Amino acid sequence: MRWPGKGRREPGLDWPGHERLAGHLIPELRPPGRHGEVHRPGDGEIRAAWVQRARQLPPAALASLLLLLIRKAAAEGGWS
């Protein structure tokens, strides 16, 4: 894929900057179990609180959160 204005190089991302803006929300996510997502009592309330904190972020931090989530999912094998 050809990146606009960069020739054939992928543009570098400012990962430290993204982590400063939204990195505090990533560790709060529970990794899926060995056999996929396991639902536990209280998960609904925990997820709702996490989403509320994410919704309060400014737009630039939300974009950073999305990039960090994609990077985390890719490192864990992606989405199925």
PDB file of N, CA and C in Angstrom:
ATOM      1  N   MET A   1       0.848  -1.177   0.000  1.00  0.00           N
ATOM      2  CA  MET A   1       0.000   0.000   0.000  1.00  0.00           C
ATOM      3  C   MET A   1       0.889   1.234   0.000  1.00  0.00           C
ATOM      4  N   ARG A   2       0.525   2.179  -0.774  1.00  0.00           N
ATOM      5  CA  ARG A   2       1.289   3.430  -0.862  1.00  0.00           C
ATOM      6  C   ARG A   2       0.670   4.457   0.085  1.00  0.00           C
ATOM      7  N   TRP A   3       1.466   4.975   1.012  1.00  0.00           N
ATOM      8  CA  TRP A   3       0.996   5.971   1.963  1.00  0.00           C
ATOM      9  C   TRP A   3       1.124   7.355   1.341  1.00  0.00           C
ATOM     10  N   PRO A   4       0.051   8.155   1.364  1.00  0.00           N
ATOM     11  CA  PRO A   4       0.084   9.481   0.750  1.00  0.00           C
ATOM     12  C   PRO A   4       1.206  10.339   1.323  1.00  0.00           C
ATOM     13  N   GLY A   5       1.998  10.892   0.440  1.00  0.00           N
ATOM     14  CA  GLY A   5       3.045  11.819   0.832  1.00  0.00           C
ATOM     15  C   GLY A   5       4.260  11.183   1.479  1.00  0.00           C
ATOM     16  N   LYS A   6       4.264   9.880   1.655  1.00  0.00           N
ATOM     17  CA  LYS A   6       5.385   9.223   2.327  1.00  0.00           C
ATOM     18  C   LYS A   6       6.038   8.172   1.450  1.00  0.00           C
ATOM     19  N   GLY A   7       5.704   8.132   0.179  1.00  0.00           N
ATOM     20  CA  GLY A   7       6.273   7.100  -0.675  1.00  0.00           C
ATOM     21  C   GLY A   7       5.725   5.739  -0.294  1.00  0.00           C
ATOM     22  N   ARG A   8       6.606   4.791  -0.066  1.00  0.00           N
ATOM     23  CA  ARG A   8       6.163   3.444   0.288  1.00  0.00           C
ATOM     24  C   ARG A   8       6.391   3.115   1.763  1.00  0.00           C
ATOM     25  N   ARG A   9       6.703   4.128   2.555  1.00  0.00           N
ATOM     26  CA  ARG A   9       6.936   3.883   3.982  1.00  0.00           C
ATOM     27  C   ARG A   9       5.667   4.123   4.782  1.00  0.00           C
ATOM     28  N   GLU A  10       5.448   3.265   5.767  1.00  0.00           N
ATOM     29  CA  GLU A  10       4.336   3.481   6.690  1.00  0.00           C
ATOM     30  C   GLU A  10       4.678   4.678   7.571  1.00  0.00           C
ATOM     31  N   PRO A  11       3.714   5.570   7.802  1.00  0.00           N
ATOM     32  CA  PRO A  11       4.020   6.711   8.664  1.00  0.00           C
ATOM     33  C   PRO A  11       4.257   6.248  10.094  1.00  0.00           C
ATOM     34  N   GLY A  12       5.188   6.872  10.777  1.00  0.00           N
ATOM     35  CA  GLY A  12       5.451   6.543  12.171  1.00  0.00           C
ATOM     36  C   GLY A  12       4.344   7.098  13.055  1.00  0.00           C
ATOM     37  N   LEU A  13       3.967   6.345  14.061  1.00  0.00           N
ATOM     38  CA  LEU A  13       2.959   6.804  14.998  1.00  0.00           C
ATOM     39  C   LEU A  13       3.631   7.222  16.301  1.00  0.00           C
ATOM     40  N   ASP A  14       3.093   8.216  16.928  1.00  0.00           N
ATOM     41  CA  ASP A  14       3.621   8.730  18.185  1.00  0.00           C
ATOM     42  C   ASP A  14       3.029   7.923  19.336  1.00  0.00           C
ATOM     43  N   TRP A  15       3.520   6.681  19.515  1.00  0.00           N
ATOM     44  CA  TRP A  15       2.961   5.808  20.554  1.00  0.00           C
ATOM     45  C   TRP A  15       3.081   6.417  21.944  1.00  0.00           C
ATOM     46  N   PRO A  16       4.221   7.017  22.313  1.00  0.00           N
ATOM     47  CA  PRO A  16       4.272   7.630  23.650  1.00  0.00           C
ATOM     48  C   PRO A  16       3.206   8.713  23.840  1.00  0.00           C
ATOM     49  N   GLY A  17       2.955   9.472  22.793  1.00  0.00           N
ATOM     50  CA  GLY A  17       1.914  10.504  22.866  1.00  0.00           C
ATOM     51  C   GLY A  17       0.534   9.896  23.048  1.00  0.00           C
ATOM     52  N   HIS A  18       0.243   8.823  22.313  1.00  0.00           N
ATOM     53  CA  HIS A  18      -1.051   8.148  22.452  1.00  0.00           C
ATOM     54  C   HIS A  18      -1.198   7.548  23.848  1.00  0.00           C
ATOM     55  N   GLU A  19      -0.110   6.982  24.367  1.00  0.00           N
ATOM     56  CA  GLU A  19      -0.161   6.393  25.705  1.00  0.00           C
ATOM     57  C   GLU A  19      -0.368   7.458  26.779  1.00  0.00           C
ATOM     58  N   ARG A  20       0.185   8.651  26.578  1.00  0.00           N
ATOM     59  CA  ARG A  20      -0.043   9.750  27.524  1.00  0.00           C
ATOM     60  C   ARG A  20      -1.508  10.167  27.531  1.00  0.00           C
ATOM     61  N   LEU A  21      -2.123  10.191  26.354  1.00  0.00           N
ATOM     62  CA  LEU A  21      -3.506  10.658  26.254  1.00  0.00           C
ATOM     63  C   LEU A  21      -4.527   9.638  26.756  1.00  0.00           C
ATOM     64  N   ALA A  22      -4.319   8.362  26.463  1.00  0.00           N
ATOM     65  CA  ALA A  22      -5.364   7.380  26.765  1.00  0.00           C
ATOM     66  C   ALA A  22      -4.838   6.066  27.322  1.00  0.00           C
ATOM     67  N   GLY A  23      -3.557   5.979  27.553  1.00  0.00           N
ATOM     68  CA  GLY A  23      -2.979   4.726  28.007  1.00  0.00           C
ATOM     69  C   GLY A  23      -3.479   4.251  29.357  1.00  0.00           C
ATOM     70  N   HIS A  24      -3.987   5.162  30.182  1.00  0.00           N
ATOM     71  CA  HIS A  24      -4.470   4.777  31.508  1.00  0.00           C
ATOM     72  C   HIS A  24      -5.693   3.872  31.450  1.00  0.00           C
ATOM     73  N   LEU A  25      -6.420   3.884  30.336  1.00  0.00           N
ATOM     74  CA  LEU A  25      -7.616   3.046  30.216  1.00  0.00           C
ATOM     75  C   LEU A  25      -7.309   1.623  29.759  1.00  0.00           C
ATOM     76  N   ILE A  26      -6.201   1.414  29.093  1.00  0.00           N
ATOM     77  CA  ILE A  26      -5.883   0.097  28.533  1.00  0.00           C
ATOM     78  C   ILE A  26      -5.675  -0.968  29.607  1.00  0.00           C
ATOM     79  N   PRO A  27      -4.905  -0.714  30.666  1.00  0.00           N
ATOM     80  CA  PRO A  27      -4.688  -1.766  31.666  1.00  0.00           C
ATOM     81  C   PRO A  27      -5.964  -2.205  32.395  1.00  0.00           C
ATOM     82  N   GLU A  28      -7.004  -1.362  32.346  1.00  0.00           N
ATOM     83  CA  GLU A  28      -8.255  -1.703  33.011  1.00  0.00           C
ATOM     84  C   GLU A  28      -9.023  -2.799  32.287  1.00  0.00           C
ATOM     85  N   LEU A  29      -8.651  -3.067  31.038  1.00  0.00           N
ATOM     86  CA  LEU A  29      -9.344  -4.100  30.274  1.00  0.00           C
ATOM     87  C   LEU A  29      -8.831  -5.470  30.675  1.00  0.00           C
ATOM     88  N   ARG A  30      -9.746  -6.364  30.959  1.00  0.00           N
ATOM     89  CA  ARG A  30      -9.365  -7.726  31.315  1.00  0.00           C
ATOM     90  C   ARG A  30      -9.106  -8.505  30.039  1.00  0.00           C
ATOM     91  N   PRO A  31      -7.961  -9.184  29.960  1.00  0.00           N
ATOM     92  CA  PRO A  31      -7.707  -9.977  28.757  1.00  0.00           C
ATOM     93  C   PRO A  31      -8.679 -11.151  28.678  1.00  0.00           C
ATOM     94  N   PRO A  32      -9.024 -11.590  27.467  1.00  0.00           N
ATOM     95  CA  PRO A  32      -9.922 -12.740  27.351  1.00  0.00           C
ATOM     96  C   PRO A  32      -9.267 -13.994  27.917  1.00  0.00           C
ATOM     97  N   GLY A  33     -10.073 -14.912  28.364  1.00  0.00           N
ATOM     98  CA  GLY A  33      -9.554 -16.174  28.870  1.00  0.00           C
ATOM     99  C   GLY A  33      -8.964 -17.012  27.750  1.00  0.00           C
ATOM    100  N   ARG A  34      -8.397 -18.125  28.129  1.00  0.00           N
ATOM    101  CA  ARG A  34      -7.746 -18.994  27.146  1.00  0.00           C
ATOM    102  C   ARG A  34      -8.715 -19.467  26.065  1.00  0.00           C
ATOM    103  N   HIS A  35      -9.968 -19.636  26.436  1.00  0.00           N
ATOM    104  CA  HIS A  35     -10.973 -20.137  25.491  1.00  0.00           C
ATOM    105  C   HIS A  35     -11.909 -19.022  25.022  1.00  0.00           C
ATOM    106  N   GLY A  36     -11.452 -17.811  25.072  1.00  0.00           N
ATOM    107  CA  GLY A  36     -12.273 -16.687  24.632  1.00  0.00           C
ATOM    108  C   GLY A  36     -12.773 -15.881  25.821  1.00  0.00           C
ATOM    109  N   GLU A  37     -13.681 -14.995  25.561  1.00  0.00           N
ATOM    110  CA  GLU A  37     -14.201 -14.094  26.593  1.00  0.00           C
ATOM    111  C   GLU A  37     -15.026 -14.882  27.603  1.00  0.00           C
ATOM    112  N   VAL A  38     -14.721 -14.710  28.858  1.00  0.00           N
ATOM    113  CA  VAL A  38     -15.461 -15.339  29.942  1.00  0.00           C
ATOM    114  C   VAL A  38     -16.155 -14.226  30.714  1.00  0.00           C
ATOM    115  N   HIS A  39     -17.466 -14.322  30.815  1.00  0.00           N
ATOM    116  CA  HIS A  39     -18.226 -13.295  31.537  1.00  0.00           C
ATOM    117  C   HIS A  39     -18.302 -13.656  33.010  1.00  0.00           C
ATOM    118  N   ARG A  40     -18.036 -12.678  33.847  1.00  0.00           N
ATOM    119  CA  ARG A  40     -18.066 -12.851  35.288  1.00  0.00           C
ATOM    120  C   ARG A  40     -19.124 -11.935  35.878  1.00  0.00           C
ATOM    121  N   PRO A  41     -19.615 -12.267  37.072  1.00  0.00           N
ATOM    122  CA  PRO A  41     -20.570 -11.362  37.726  1.00  0.00           C
ATOM    123  C   PRO A  41     -19.959  -9.969  37.889  1.00  0.00           C
ATOM    124  N   GLY A  42     -20.726  -8.965  37.609  1.00  0.00           N
ATOM    125  CA  GLY A  42     -20.258  -7.593  37.742  1.00  0.00           C
ATOM    126  C   GLY A  42     -19.593  -7.025  36.502  1.00  0.00           C
ATOM    127  N   ASP A  43     -19.392  -7.844  35.461  1.00  0.00           N
ATOM    128  CA  ASP A  43     -18.736  -7.349  34.240  1.00  0.00           C
ATOM    129  C   ASP A  43     -19.501  -6.206  33.587  1.00  0.00           C
ATOM    130  N   GLY A  44     -20.816  -6.281  33.612  1.00  0.00           N
ATOM    131  CA  GLY A  44     -21.621  -5.236  32.971  1.00  0.00           C
ATOM    132  C   GLY A  44     -21.367  -3.870  33.579  1.00  0.00           C
ATOM    133  N   GLU A  45     -21.319  -3.817  34.909  1.00  0.00           N
ATOM    134  CA  GLU A  45     -21.083  -2.548  35.593  1.00  0.00           C
ATOM    135  C   GLU A  45     -19.657  -2.049  35.338  1.00  0.00           C
ATOM    136  N   ILE A  46     -18.710  -2.970  35.337  1.00  0.00           N
ATOM    137  CA  ILE A  46     -17.316  -2.593  35.085  1.00  0.00           C
ATOM    138  C   ILE A  46     -17.165  -2.030  33.676  1.00  0.00           C
ATOM    139  N   ARG A  47     -17.767  -2.697  32.692  1.00  0.00           N
ATOM    140  CA  ARG A  47     -17.696  -2.209  31.305  1.00  0.00           C
ATOM    141  C   ARG A  47     -18.380  -0.863  31.160  1.00  0.00           C
ATOM    142  N   ALA A  48     -19.545  -0.707  31.780  1.00  0.00           N
ATOM    143  CA  ALA A  48     -20.272   0.562  31.681  1.00  0.00           C
ATOM    144  C   ALA A  48     -19.447   1.706  32.264  1.00  0.00           C
ATOM    145  N   ALA A  49     -18.793   1.472  33.389  1.00  0.00           N
ATOM    146  CA  ALA A  49     -17.957   2.514  33.999  1.00  0.00           C
ATOM    147  C   ALA A  49     -16.768   2.846  33.101  1.00  0.00           C
ATOM    148  N   TRP A  50     -16.169   1.820  32.474  1.00  0.00           N
ATOM    149  CA  TRP A  50     -15.041   2.046  31.570  1.00  0.00           C
ATOM    150  C   TRP A  50     -15.482   2.874  30.364  1.00  0.00           C
ATOM    151  N   VAL A  51     -16.613   2.521  29.798  1.00  0.00           N
ATOM    152  CA  VAL A  51     -17.123   3.261  28.635  1.00  0.00           C
ATOM    153  C   VAL A  51     -17.416   4.710  29.016  1.00  0.00           C
ATOM    154  N   GLN A  52     -17.968   4.936  30.196  1.00  0.00           N
ATOM    155  CA  GLN A  52     -18.234   6.313  30.637  1.00  0.00           C
ATOM    156  C   GLN A  52     -16.940   7.111  30.747  1.00  0.00           C
ATOM    157  N   ARG A  53     -15.875   6.498  31.292  1.00  0.00           N
ATOM    158  CA  ARG A  53     -14.590   7.203  31.374  1.00  0.00           C
ATOM    159  C   ARG A  53     -14.039   7.483  29.976  1.00  0.00           C
ATOM    160  N   ALA A  54     -14.189   6.529  29.069  1.00  0.00           N
ATOM    161  CA  ALA A  54     -13.709   6.728  27.695  1.00  0.00           C
ATOM    162  C   ALA A  54     -14.501   7.839  26.996  1.00  0.00           C
ATOM    163  N   ARG A  55     -15.792   7.907  27.242  1.00  0.00           N
ATOM    164  CA  ARG A  55     -16.627   8.928  26.586  1.00  0.00           C
ATOM    165  C   ARG A  55     -16.305  10.333  27.066  1.00  0.00           C
ATOM    166  N   GLN A  56     -15.693  10.451  28.217  1.00  0.00           N
ATOM    167  CA  GLN A  56     -15.352  11.769  28.752  1.00  0.00           C
ATOM    168  C   GLN A  56     -14.030  12.297  28.198  1.00  0.00           C
ATOM    169  N   LEU A  57     -13.322  11.479  27.457  1.00  0.00           N
ATOM    170  CA  LEU A  57     -12.051  11.914  26.875  1.00  0.00           C
ATOM    171  C   LEU A  57     -12.296  12.901  25.737  1.00  0.00           C
ATOM    172  N   PRO A  58     -11.365  13.822  25.512  1.00  0.00           N
ATOM    173  CA  PRO A  58     -11.475  14.707  24.345  1.00  0.00           C
ATOM    174  C   PRO A  58     -11.287  13.895  23.058  1.00  0.00           C
ATOM    175  N   PRO A  59     -11.738  14.421  21.917  1.00  0.00           N
ATOM    176  CA  PRO A  59     -11.658  13.675  20.657  1.00  0.00           C
ATOM    177  C   PRO A  59     -10.263  13.145  20.321  1.00  0.00           C
ATOM    178  N   ALA A  60      -9.215  13.922  20.557  1.00  0.00           N
ATOM    179  CA  ALA A  60      -7.858  13.452  20.237  1.00  0.00           C
ATOM    180  C   ALA A  60      -7.493  12.246  21.092  1.00  0.00           C
ATOM    181  N   ALA A  61      -7.911  12.249  22.355  1.00  0.00           N
ATOM    182  CA  ALA A  61      -7.619  11.120  23.236  1.00  0.00           C
ATOM    183  C   ALA A  61      -8.439   9.892  22.837  1.00  0.00           C
ATOM    184  N   LEU A  62      -9.659  10.097  22.345  1.00  0.00           N
ATOM    185  CA  LEU A  62     -10.456   8.965  21.862  1.00  0.00           C
ATOM    186  C   LEU A  62      -9.791   8.303  20.659  1.00  0.00           C
ATOM    187  N   ALA A  63      -9.250   9.110  19.766  1.00  0.00           N
ATOM    188  CA  ALA A  63      -8.526   8.550  18.615  1.00  0.00           C
ATOM    189  C   ALA A  63      -7.309   7.759  19.104  1.00  0.00           C
ATOM    190  N   SER A  64      -6.612   8.287  20.098  1.00  0.00           N
ATOM    191  CA  SER A  64      -5.466   7.570  20.668  1.00  0.00           C
ATOM    192  C   SER A  64      -5.907   6.262  21.307  1.00  0.00           C
ATOM    193  N   LEU A  65      -7.036   6.284  22.015  1.00  0.00           N
ATOM    194  CA  LEU A  65      -7.557   5.071  22.641  1.00  0.00           C
ATOM    195  C   LEU A  65      -7.853   4.010  21.587  1.00  0.00           C
ATOM    196  N   LEU A  66      -8.458   4.408  20.495  1.00  0.00           N
ATOM    197  CA  LEU A  66      -8.760   3.462  19.423  1.00  0.00           C
ATOM    198  C   LEU A  66      -7.480   2.851  18.859  1.00  0.00           C
ATOM    199  N   LEU A  67      -6.469   3.669  18.607  1.00  0.00           N
ATOM    200  CA  LEU A  67      -5.199   3.152  18.091  1.00  0.00           C
ATOM    201  C   LEU A  67      -4.541   2.194  19.083  1.00  0.00           C
ATOM    202  N   LEU A  68      -4.595   2.532  20.371  1.00  0.00           N
ATOM    203  CA  LEU A  68      -4.013   1.657  21.384  1.00  0.00           C
ATOM    204  C   LEU A  68      -4.767   0.336  21.482  1.00  0.00           C
ATOM    205  N   LEU A  69      -6.093   0.376  21.342  1.00  0.00           N
ATOM    206  CA  LEU A  69      -6.891  -0.854  21.365  1.00  0.00           C
ATOM    207  C   LEU A  69      -6.571  -1.741  20.162  1.00  0.00           C
ATOM    208  N   ILE A  70      -6.398  -1.121  18.998  1.00  0.00           N
ATOM    209  CA  ILE A  70      -6.037  -1.885  17.796  1.00  0.00           C
ATOM    210  C   ILE A  70      -4.665  -2.520  17.980  1.00  0.00           C
ATOM    211  N   ARG A  71      -3.708  -1.758  18.505  1.00  0.00           N
ATOM    212  CA  ARG A  71      -2.368  -2.300  18.735  1.00  0.00           C
ATOM    213  C   ARG A  71      -2.411  -3.466  19.722  1.00  0.00           C
ATOM    214  N   LYS A  72      -3.205  -3.321  20.789  1.00  0.00           N
ATOM    215  CA  LYS A  72      -3.327  -4.394  21.792  1.00  0.00           C
ATOM    216  C   LYS A  72      -3.942  -5.637  21.174  1.00  0.00           C
ATOM    217  N   ALA A  73      -5.001  -5.466  20.382  1.00  0.00           N
ATOM    218  CA  ALA A  73      -5.652  -6.614  19.754  1.00  0.00           C
ATOM    219  C   ALA A  73      -4.722  -7.298  18.762  1.00  0.00           C
ATOM    220  N   ALA A  74      -3.963  -6.515  18.010  1.00  0.00           N
ATOM    221  CA  ALA A  74      -3.025  -7.110  17.039  1.00  0.00           C
ATOM    222  C   ALA A  74      -1.954  -7.924  17.741  1.00  0.00           C
ATOM    223  N   ALA A  75      -1.486  -7.436  18.888  1.00  0.00           N
ATOM    224  CA  ALA A  75      -0.461  -8.149  19.635  1.00  0.00           C
ATOM    225  C   ALA A  75      -0.990  -9.454  20.229  1.00  0.00           C
ATOM    226  N   GLU A  76      -2.318  -9.482  20.481  1.00  0.00           N
ATOM    227  CA  GLU A  76      -2.936 -10.680  21.066  1.00  0.00           C
ATOM    228  C   GLU A  76      -3.504 -11.612  20.004  1.00  0.00           C
ATOM    229  N   GLY A  77      -3.229 -11.350  18.746  1.00  0.00           N
ATOM    230  CA  GLY A  77      -3.700 -12.235  17.675  1.00  0.00           C
ATOM    231  C   GLY A  77      -4.871 -11.684  16.883  1.00  0.00           C
ATOM    232  N   GLY A  78      -5.299 -10.465  17.190  1.00  0.00           N
ATOM    233  CA  GLY A  78      -6.375  -9.842  16.437  1.00  0.00           C
ATOM    234  C   GLY A  78      -7.758 -10.296  16.868  1.00  0.00           C
ATOM    235  N   TRP A  79      -8.741  -9.821  16.145  1.00  0.00           N
ATOM    236  CA  TRP A  79     -10.136 -10.190  16.406  1.00  0.00           C
ATOM    237  C   TRP A  79     -10.510 -11.345  15.524  1.00  0.00           C
ATOM    238  N   SER A  80     -11.369 -12.193  16.039  1.00  0.00           N
ATOM    239  CA  SER A  80     -11.830 -13.317  15.200  1.00  0.00           C
ATOM    240  C   SER A  80     -13.232 -13.063  14.718  1.00  0.00           C
TER     241      SER A  80
END
